[in-house]
C-alpha atoms as a PDB file:
ATOM      1  CA  MET A   1       0.000   0.000   0.000  1.00  0.00           C
ATOM      2  CA  ILE A   2       2.858   2.388   0.720  1.00  0.00           C
ATOM      3  CA  GLU A   3       3.959   2.208  -2.925  1.00  0.00           C
ATOM      4  CA  GLN A   4       0.443   3.201  -3.969  1.00  0.00           C
ATOM      5  CA  VAL A   5       0.635   6.207  -1.610  1.00  0.00           C
ATOM      6  CA  TYR A   6       4.059   7.118  -3.035  1.00  0.00           C
ATOM      7  CA  ASP A   7       2.631   6.977  -6.570  1.00  0.00           C
ATOM      8  CA  ILE A   8      -0.212   9.320  -5.634  1.00  0.00           C
ATOM      9  CA  ILE A   9       2.159  11.753  -3.932  1.00  0.00           C
ATOM     10  CA  ASN A  10       4.531  11.675  -6.906  1.00  0.00           C
ATOM     11  CA  ASP A  11       1.645  12.497  -9.242  1.00  0.00           C
ATOM     12  CA  ILE A  12       0.478  15.465  -7.166  1.00  0.00           C
ATOM     13  CA  PHE A  13       3.717  16.985  -5.884  1.00  0.00           C
ATOM     14  CA  GLU A  14       6.393  15.832  -8.345  1.00  0.00           C
ATOM     15  CA  PRO A  15       8.944  15.834  -5.512  1.00  0.00           C
ATOM     16  CA  SER A  16      12.611  16.553  -6.075  1.00  0.00           C
ATOM     17  CA  CYS A  17      13.550  14.230  -3.206  1.00  0.00           C
ATOM     18  CA  GLU A  18      13.102  10.506  -2.736  1.00  0.00           C
ATOM     19  CA  LEU A  19      10.010   9.757  -0.680  1.00  0.00           C
ATOM     20  CA  SER A  20      10.193   7.982   2.656  1.00  0.00           C
ATOM     21  CA  GLU A  21       7.913   7.639   5.650  1.00  0.00           C
ATOM     22  CA  HIS A  22       9.738  10.634   7.151  1.00  0.00           C
ATOM     23  CA  THR A  23       9.140  12.965   4.195  1.00  0.00           C
ATOM     24  CA  LEU A  24       7.433  16.110   5.470  1.00  0.00           C
ATOM     25  CA  PHE A  25       4.550  17.460   3.430  1.00  0.00           C
ATOM     26  CA  ASP A  26       5.224  21.113   4.222  1.00  0.00           C
ATOM     27  CA  GLU A  27       9.036  21.277   4.301  1.00  0.00           C
ATOM     28  CA  ASP A  28      10.011  18.591   1.768  1.00  0.00           C
ATOM     29  CA  LEU A  29       7.066  18.683  -0.635  1.00  0.00           C
ATOM     30  CA  PHE A  30       6.055  22.340  -0.090  1.00  0.00           C
ATOM     31  CA  ALA A  31       2.412  21.287   0.244  1.00  0.00           C
ATOM     32  CA  ASP A  32      -0.138  23.910   1.174  1.00  0.00           C
ATOM     33  CA  GLU A  33      -3.647  23.388   2.504  1.00  0.00           C
ATOM     34  CA  GLN A  34      -5.132  23.166  -0.993  1.00  0.00           C
ATOM     35  CA  ASP A  35      -2.576  20.506  -1.987  1.00  0.00           C
ATOM     36  CA  MET A  36      -3.449  18.483   1.092  1.00  0.00           C
ATOM     37  CA  GLN A  37      -7.173  18.715   0.370  1.00  0.00           C
ATOM     38  CA  GLU A  38      -6.542  17.453  -3.161  1.00  0.00           C
ATOM     39  CA  LEU A  39      -4.410  14.634  -1.774  1.00  0.00           C
ATOM     40  CA  PHE A  40      -7.134  13.614   0.685  1.00  0.00           C
ATOM     41  CA  LEU A  41      -9.789  13.575  -2.055  1.00  0.00           C
ATOM     42  CA  ILE A  42      -7.653  11.211  -4.096  1.00  0.00           C
ATOM     43  CA  ILE A  43      -6.822   9.079  -1.041  1.00  0.00           C
ATOM     44  CA  GLU A  44     -10.520   8.772  -0.194  1.00  0.00           C
ATOM     45  CA  GLU A  45     -11.315   7.578  -3.699  1.00  0.00           C
ATOM     46  CA  GLU A  46      -8.293   5.330  -4.111  1.00  0.00           C
ATOM     47  CA  PHE A  47      -8.625   3.548  -0.749  1.00  0.00           C
ATOM     48  CA  ASP A  48     -12.413   3.815  -0.371  1.00  0.00           C
ATOM     49  CA  ILE A  49     -12.248   5.588   2.980  1.00  0.00           C
ATOM     50  CA  LEU A  50     -13.857   8.659   4.509  1.00  0.00           C
ATOM     51  CA  THR A  51     -11.619  11.341   5.976  1.00  0.00           C
ATOM     52  CA  ASP A  52     -12.214  14.300   8.231  1.00  0.00           C
ATOM     53  CA  ASP A  53     -11.045  17.780   7.217  1.00  0.00           C
ATOM     54  CA  ASP A  54      -9.659  18.334  10.718  1.00  0.00           C
ATOM     55  CA  ASP A  55      -7.381  15.339  10.231  1.00  0.00           C
ATOM     56  CA  ILE A  56      -5.573  16.978   7.315  1.00  0.00           C
ATOM     57  CA  LYS A  57      -3.788  19.296   9.749  1.00  0.00           C
ATOM     58  CA  LYS A  58      -2.536  16.323  11.767  1.00  0.00           C
ATOM     59  CA  ILE A  59      -0.835  14.637   8.818  1.00  0.00           C
ATOM     60  CA  LEU A  60       2.750  15.917   8.793  1.00  0.00           C
ATOM     61  CA  THR A  61       4.671  13.103   7.112  1.00  0.00           C
ATOM     62  CA  VAL A  62       4.098  10.432   4.504  1.00  0.00           C
ATOM     63  CA  GLY A  63       4.245   7.883   7.334  1.00  0.00           C
ATOM     64  CA  ASP A  64       1.481   9.750   9.148  1.00  0.00           C
ATOM     65  CA  LEU A  65      -0.647   9.479   6.013  1.00  0.00           C
ATOM     66  CA  VAL A  66      -0.046   5.739   5.650  1.00  0.00           C
ATOM     67  CA  ASN A  67      -0.922   5.190   9.317  1.00  0.00           C
ATOM     68  CA  TYR A  68      -4.038   7.339   8.922  1.00  0.00           C
ATOM     69  CA  ILE A  69      -5.203   5.304   5.910  1.00  0.00           C
ATOM     70  CA  ASN A  70      -4.682   2.074   7.854  1.00  0.00           C
ATOM     71  CA  GLU A  71      -6.661   3.440  10.820  1.00  0.00           C
ATOM     72  CA  CYS A  72      -9.524   4.526   8.548  1.00  0.00           C
ATOM     73  CA  LYS A  73      -9.640   1.135   6.857  1.00  0.00           C
ATOM     74  CA  GLU A  74      -9.785  -0.611  10.247  1.00  0.00           C
ATOM     75  CA  LYS A  75     -12.855   1.412  11.211  1.00  0.00           C
ATOM     76  CA  PHE A  76     -14.802  -0.061   8.298  1.00  0.00           C
END
C-alpha cells in the first residue's frame, strides 16, 4: 500500500527528493492546505475511505498518512 501512496504523492507533488515515511509534506514537498485537500480527495477515492477535514492538519509526514489510511480502513 505504501507504494500506492508514493505513486499518488509523486503524481500530485512531483517531488525533487526521494520519498520515505519521514518525508514532510510542508518542508520537503512544499504542500499547502489546498494541496493536502486534493491529496485527501484522491486518497478517499483510491482507498475507499472517509476522511475528516480536521485530520488533514494532523498529517505531517508520509508515514502519518499511511498510518491514517490504515486506521480509517480498520474502522470499516
